[in-house]
Amino acid sequence: MALPKRRHSHTRGAKRRTHYKFAVPMVVNCSHCEQPKLPHHVCPNCGYYNGKPVITPKEK
C-alpha cells in the first residue's frame, strides 16, 4: 500500500473538506395543530401522527 512521502498542508486538507456541510432539516406544519415538526415524525406538541392520536404529550 502506498504511503505519502511528505505531509499534506492544512490548506490542502481543508480544500478537500469544503463540501462537508450540515444539511438544514426540513420542517413541515402539523396537520392537526399547525405547529412546526419534522416530517414523518409524531408531533411533539399535540402527539398526532397521520391524523390520529399516537402519544399524549408531556405538560410543560
PDB file of N, CA and C in Angstrom:
ATOM      1  N   MET A   1       0.836  -1.173   0.000  1.00  0.00           N
ATOM      2  CA  MET A   1       0.000   0.000   0.000  1.00  0.00           C
ATOM      3  C   MET A   1       0.883   1.239   0.000  1.00  0.00           C
ATOM      4  N   ALA A   2       0.523   2.215  -0.808  1.00  0.00           N
ATOM      5  CA  ALA A   2       1.333   3.415  -0.948  1.00  0.00           C
ATOM      6  C   ALA A   2       1.181   4.325   0.260  1.00  0.00           C
ATOM      7  N   LEU A   3       2.263   4.966   0.646  1.00  0.00           N
ATOM      8  CA  LEU A   3       2.258   5.930   1.744  1.00  0.00           C
ATOM      9  C   LEU A   3       2.770   7.266   1.225  1.00  0.00           C
ATOM     10  N   PRO A   4       2.272   8.363   1.753  1.00  0.00           N
ATOM     11  CA  PRO A   4       2.750   9.663   1.292  1.00  0.00           C
ATOM     12  C   PRO A   4       4.181   9.927   1.756  1.00  0.00           C
ATOM     13  N   LYS A   5       4.983  10.507   0.871  1.00  0.00           N
ATOM     14  CA  LYS A   5       6.369  10.818   1.240  1.00  0.00           C
ATOM     15  C   LYS A   5       6.454  12.096   2.043  1.00  0.00           C
ATOM     16  N   ARG A   6       5.529  13.027   1.810  1.00  0.00           N
ATOM     17  CA  ARG A   6       5.542  14.303   2.510  1.00  0.00           C
ATOM     18  C   ARG A   6       4.189  14.551   3.147  1.00  0.00           C
ATOM     19  N   ARG A   7       4.212  15.396   4.133  1.00  0.00           N
ATOM     20  CA  ARG A   7       2.984  15.756   4.831  1.00  0.00           C
ATOM     21  C   ARG A   7       2.143  16.699   3.974  1.00  0.00           C
ATOM     22  N   HIS A   8       0.815  16.509   3.992  1.00  0.00           N
ATOM     23  CA  HIS A   8      -0.065  17.443   3.299  1.00  0.00           C
ATOM     24  C   HIS A   8      -0.290  18.656   4.181  1.00  0.00           C
ATOM     25  N   SER A   9      -0.355  19.818   3.560  1.00  0.00           N
ATOM     26  CA  SER A   9      -0.561  21.051   4.313  1.00  0.00           C
ATOM     27  C   SER A   9      -1.992  21.125   4.831  1.00  0.00           C
ATOM     28  N   HIS A  10      -2.215  21.999   5.794  1.00  0.00           N
ATOM     29  CA  HIS A  10      -3.556  22.225   6.338  1.00  0.00           C
ATOM     30  C   HIS A  10      -4.496  22.733   5.244  1.00  0.00           C
ATOM     31  N   THR A  11      -3.986  23.601   4.369  1.00  0.00           N
ATOM     32  CA  THR A  11      -4.805  24.155   3.299  1.00  0.00           C
ATOM     33  C   THR A  11      -5.275  23.067   2.350  1.00  0.00           C
ATOM     34  N   ARG A  12      -4.402  22.142   2.047  1.00  0.00           N
ATOM     35  CA  ARG A  12      -4.768  21.068   1.113  1.00  0.00           C
ATOM     36  C   ARG A  12      -5.852  20.176   1.713  1.00  0.00           C
ATOM     37  N   GLY A  13      -5.745  19.886   3.004  1.00  0.00           N
ATOM     38  CA  GLY A  13      -6.785  19.098   3.656  1.00  0.00           C
ATOM     39  C   GLY A  13      -8.094  19.853   3.748  1.00  0.00           C
ATOM     40  N   ALA A  14      -8.018  21.163   3.993  1.00  0.00           N
ATOM     41  CA  ALA A  14      -9.218  21.989   4.093  1.00  0.00           C
ATOM     42  C   ALA A  14      -9.923  22.092   2.744  1.00  0.00           C
ATOM     43  N   LYS A  15      -9.145  22.132   1.654  1.00  0.00           N
ATOM     44  CA  LYS A  15      -9.753  22.172   0.324  1.00  0.00           C
ATOM     45  C   LYS A  15     -10.540  20.903   0.052  1.00  0.00           C
ATOM     46  N   ARG A  16     -10.048  19.784   0.525  1.00  0.00           N
ATOM     47  CA  ARG A  16     -10.738  18.514   0.321  1.00  0.00           C
ATOM     48  C   ARG A  16     -12.033  18.468   1.134  1.00  0.00           C
ATOM     49  N   ARG A  17     -12.066  19.150   2.274  1.00  0.00           N
ATOM     50  CA  ARG A  17     -13.227  19.104   3.160  1.00  0.00           C
ATOM     51  C   ARG A  17     -14.217  20.250   2.942  1.00  0.00           C
ATOM     52  N   THR A  18     -14.124  20.985   1.852  1.00  0.00           N
ATOM     53  CA  THR A  18     -15.017  22.131   1.653  1.00  0.00           C
ATOM     54  C   THR A  18     -16.462  21.712   1.462  1.00  0.00           C
ATOM     55  N   HIS A  19     -16.731  20.485   1.046  1.00  0.00           N
ATOM     56  CA  HIS A  19     -18.093  20.042   0.778  1.00  0.00           C
ATOM     57  C   HIS A  19     -18.725  19.355   1.975  1.00  0.00           C
ATOM     58  N   TYR A  20     -18.032  19.281   3.116  1.00  0.00           N
ATOM     59  CA  TYR A  20     -18.603  18.660   4.311  1.00  0.00           C
ATOM     60  C   TYR A  20     -19.472  19.701   4.998  1.00  0.00           C
ATOM     61  N   LYS A  21     -20.768  19.693   4.714  1.00  0.00           N
ATOM     62  CA  LYS A  21     -21.666  20.689   5.271  1.00  0.00           C
ATOM     63  C   LYS A  21     -22.832  19.998   5.941  1.00  0.00           C
ATOM     64  N   PHE A  22     -23.415  20.664   6.924  1.00  0.00           N
ATOM     65  CA  PHE A  22     -24.614  20.154   7.564  1.00  0.00           C
ATOM     66  C   PHE A  22     -25.815  20.504   6.701  1.00  0.00           C
ATOM     67  N   ALA A  23     -26.728  19.562   6.576  1.00  0.00           N
ATOM     68  CA  ALA A  23     -27.960  19.818   5.827  1.00  0.00           C
ATOM     69  C   ALA A  23     -28.984  20.423   6.780  1.00  0.00           C
ATOM     70  N   VAL A  24     -29.706  21.417   6.316  1.00  0.00           N
ATOM     71  CA  VAL A  24     -30.746  22.046   7.126  1.00  0.00           C
ATOM     72  C   VAL A  24     -31.928  21.089   7.190  1.00  0.00           C
ATOM     73  N   PRO A  25     -32.423  20.741   8.394  1.00  0.00           N
ATOM     74  CA  PRO A  25     -33.535  19.801   8.462  1.00  0.00           C
ATOM     75  C   PRO A  25     -34.809  20.400   7.895  1.00  0.00           C
ATOM     76  N   MET A  26     -35.571  19.580   7.195  1.00  0.00           N
ATOM     77  CA  MET A  26     -36.820  20.038   6.613  1.00  0.00           C
ATOM     78  C   MET A  26     -37.865  20.106   7.715  1.00  0.00           C
ATOM     79  N   VAL A  27     -38.669  21.140   7.697  1.00  0.00           N
ATOM     80  CA  VAL A  27     -39.701  21.327   8.707  1.00  0.00           C
ATOM     81  C   VAL A  27     -41.037  21.515   8.001  1.00  0.00           C
ATOM     82  N   VAL A  28     -42.066  20.794   8.487  1.00  0.00           N
ATOM     83  CA  VAL A  28     -43.411  20.922   7.939  1.00  0.00           C
ATOM     84  C   VAL A  28     -44.349  21.287   9.080  1.00  0.00           C
ATOM     85  N   ASN A  29     -45.549  21.743   8.742  1.00  0.00           N
ATOM     86  CA  ASN A  29     -46.539  22.069   9.756  1.00  0.00           C
ATOM     87  C   ASN A  29     -47.383  20.843  10.061  1.00  0.00           C
ATOM     88  N   CYS A  30     -47.712  20.659  11.317  1.00  0.00           N
ATOM     89  CA  CYS A  30     -48.571  19.560  11.756  1.00  0.00           C
ATOM     90  C   CYS A  30     -49.970  19.793  11.183  1.00  0.00           C
ATOM     91  N   SER A  31     -50.588  18.729  10.687  1.00  0.00           N
ATOM     92  CA  SER A  31     -51.924  18.869  10.097  1.00  0.00           C
ATOM     93  C   SER A  31     -52.997  19.041  11.163  1.00  0.00           C
ATOM     94  N   HIS A  32     -52.667  18.739  12.426  1.00  0.00           N
ATOM     95  CA  HIS A  32     -53.664  18.842  13.500  1.00  0.00           C
ATOM     96  C   HIS A  32     -53.570  20.179  14.228  1.00  0.00           C
ATOM     97  N   CYS A  33     -52.350  20.586  14.612  1.00  0.00           N
ATOM     98  CA  CYS A  33     -52.202  21.807  15.423  1.00  0.00           C
ATOM     99  C   CYS A  33     -51.434  22.917  14.715  1.00  0.00           C
ATOM    100  N   GLU A  34     -50.951  22.660  13.497  1.00  0.00           N
ATOM    101  CA  GLU A  34     -50.236  23.656  12.687  1.00  0.00           C
ATOM    102  C   GLU A  34     -48.919  24.124  13.302  1.00  0.00           C
ATOM    103  N   GLN A  35     -48.354  23.370  14.224  1.00  0.00           N
ATOM    104  CA  GLN A  35     -47.045  23.699  14.788  1.00  0.00           C
ATOM    105  C   GLN A  35     -45.958  23.050  13.927  1.00  0.00           C
ATOM    106  N   PRO A  36     -44.758  23.637  13.857  1.00  0.00           N
ATOM    107  CA  PRO A  36     -43.696  23.027  13.040  1.00  0.00           C
ATOM    108  C   PRO A  36     -43.210  21.718  13.653  1.00  0.00           C
ATOM    109  N   LYS A  37     -42.938  20.744  12.780  1.00  0.00           N
ATOM    110  CA  LYS A  37     -42.434  19.447  13.214  1.00  0.00           C
ATOM    111  C   LYS A  37     -41.626  18.833  12.085  1.00  0.00           C
ATOM    112  N   LEU A  38     -40.863  17.799  12.377  1.00  0.00           N
ATOM    113  CA  LEU A  38     -40.117  17.076  11.360  1.00  0.00           C
ATOM    114  C   LEU A  38     -41.065  16.173  10.587  1.00  0.00           C
ATOM    115  N   PRO A  39     -40.866  16.028   9.278  1.00  0.00           N
ATOM    116  CA  PRO A  39     -41.758  15.163   8.518  1.00  0.00           C
ATOM    117  C   PRO A  39     -41.590  13.699   8.918  1.00  0.00           C
ATOM    118  N   HIS A  40     -42.681  12.939   8.883  1.00  0.00           N
ATOM    119  CA  HIS A  40     -42.715  11.513   9.220  1.00  0.00           C
ATOM    120  C   HIS A  40     -42.352  11.276  10.683  1.00  0.00           C
ATOM    121  N   HIS A  41     -42.664  12.228  11.547  1.00  0.00           N
ATOM    122  CA  HIS A  41     -42.453  12.099  12.986  1.00  0.00           C
ATOM    123  C   HIS A  41     -43.747  12.473  13.708  1.00  0.00           C
ATOM    124  N   VAL A  42     -43.911  11.951  14.904  1.00  0.00           N
ATOM    125  CA  VAL A  42     -45.052  12.330  15.734  1.00  0.00           C
ATOM    126  C   VAL A  42     -44.861  13.781  16.163  1.00  0.00           C
ATOM    127  N   CYS A  43     -45.936  14.547  16.145  1.00  0.00           N
ATOM    128  CA  CYS A  43     -45.859  15.950  16.544  1.00  0.00           C
ATOM    129  C   CYS A  43     -45.576  16.023  18.043  1.00  0.00           C
ATOM    130  N   PRO A  44     -44.512  16.708  18.463  1.00  0.00           N
ATOM    131  CA  PRO A  44     -44.218  16.799  19.895  1.00  0.00           C
ATOM    132  C   PRO A  44     -45.191  17.698  20.649  1.00  0.00           C
ATOM    133  N   ASN A  45     -45.924  18.542  19.914  1.00  0.00           N
ATOM    134  CA  ASN A  45     -46.843  19.471  20.550  1.00  0.00           C
ATOM    135  C   ASN A  45     -48.177  18.808  20.894  1.00  0.00           C
ATOM    136  N   CYS A  46     -48.785  18.103  19.916  1.00  0.00           N
ATOM    137  CA  CYS A  46     -50.116  17.529  20.136  1.00  0.00           C
ATOM    138  C   CYS A  46     -50.114  16.006  20.208  1.00  0.00           C
ATOM    139  N   GLY A  47     -49.052  15.333  19.743  1.00  0.00           N
ATOM    140  CA  GLY A  47     -48.972  13.875  19.814  1.00  0.00           C
ATOM    141  C   GLY A  47     -49.679  13.163  18.684  1.00  0.00           C
ATOM    142  N   TYR A  48     -50.037  13.867  17.629  1.00  0.00           N
ATOM    143  CA  TYR A  48     -50.741  13.250  16.500  1.00  0.00           C
ATOM    144  C   TYR A  48     -49.752  12.862  15.410  1.00  0.00           C
ATOM    145  N   TYR A  49     -50.074  11.767  14.716  1.00  0.00           N
ATOM    146  CA  TYR A  49     -49.320  11.354  13.536  1.00  0.00           C
ATOM    147  C   TYR A  49     -50.325  10.829  12.519  1.00  0.00           C
ATOM    148  N   ASN A  50     -50.286  11.346  11.317  1.00  0.00           N
ATOM    149  CA  ASN A  50     -51.166  10.936  10.226  1.00  0.00           C
ATOM    150  C   ASN A  50     -52.639  11.107  10.603  1.00  0.00           C
ATOM    151  N   GLY A  51     -52.957  12.166  11.348  1.00  0.00           N
ATOM    152  CA  GLY A  51     -54.330  12.472  11.702  1.00  0.00           C
ATOM    153  C   GLY A  51     -54.887  11.660  12.853  1.00  0.00           C
ATOM    154  N   LYS A  52     -54.048  10.862  13.525  1.00  0.00           N
ATOM    155  CA  LYS A  52     -54.517  10.025  14.626  1.00  0.00           C
ATOM    156  C   LYS A  52     -53.681  10.302  15.872  1.00  0.00           C
ATOM    157  N   PRO A  53     -54.304  10.278  17.080  1.00  0.00           N
ATOM    158  CA  PRO A  53     -53.506  10.462  18.299  1.00  0.00           C
ATOM    159  C   PRO A  53     -52.641   9.223  18.561  1.00  0.00           C
ATOM    160  N   VAL A  54     -51.359   9.440  18.760  1.00  0.00           N
ATOM    161  CA  VAL A  54     -50.426   8.334  18.964  1.00  0.00           C
ATOM    162  C   VAL A  54     -49.905   8.341  20.403  1.00  0.00           C
ATOM    163  N   ILE A  55     -49.526   9.519  20.886  1.00  0.00           N
ATOM    164  CA  ILE A  55     -48.995   9.655  22.247  1.00  0.00           C
ATOM    165  C   ILE A  55     -49.701  10.819  22.926  1.00  0.00           C
ATOM    166  N   THR A  56     -49.599  10.844  24.233  1.00  0.00           N
ATOM    167  CA  THR A  56     -50.065  12.020  24.970  1.00  0.00           C
ATOM    168  C   THR A  56     -48.844  12.865  25.286  1.00  0.00           C
ATOM    169  N   PRO A  57     -48.799  14.104  24.803  1.00  0.00           N
ATOM    170  CA  PRO A  57     -47.616  14.936  25.012  1.00  0.00           C
ATOM    171  C   PRO A  57     -47.455  15.311  26.483  1.00  0.00           C
ATOM    172  N   LYS A  58     -46.203  15.552  26.873  1.00  0.00           N
ATOM    173  CA  LYS A  58     -45.892  15.958  28.250  1.00  0.00           C
ATOM    174  C   LYS A  58     -46.354  17.391  28.472  1.00  0.00           C
ATOM    175  N   GLU A  59     -46.862  17.641  29.660  1.00  0.00           N
ATOM    176  CA  GLU A  59     -47.252  19.005  30.036  1.00  0.00           C
ATOM    177  C   GLU A  59     -46.001  19.780  30.402  1.00  0.00           C
ATOM    178  N   LYS A  60     -45.933  21.052  30.012  1.00  0.00           N
ATOM    179  CA  LYS A  60     -44.754  21.863  30.313  1.00  0.00           C
ATOM    180  C   LYS A  60     -44.933  22.616  31.598  1.00  0.00           C
TER     181      LYS A  60
END
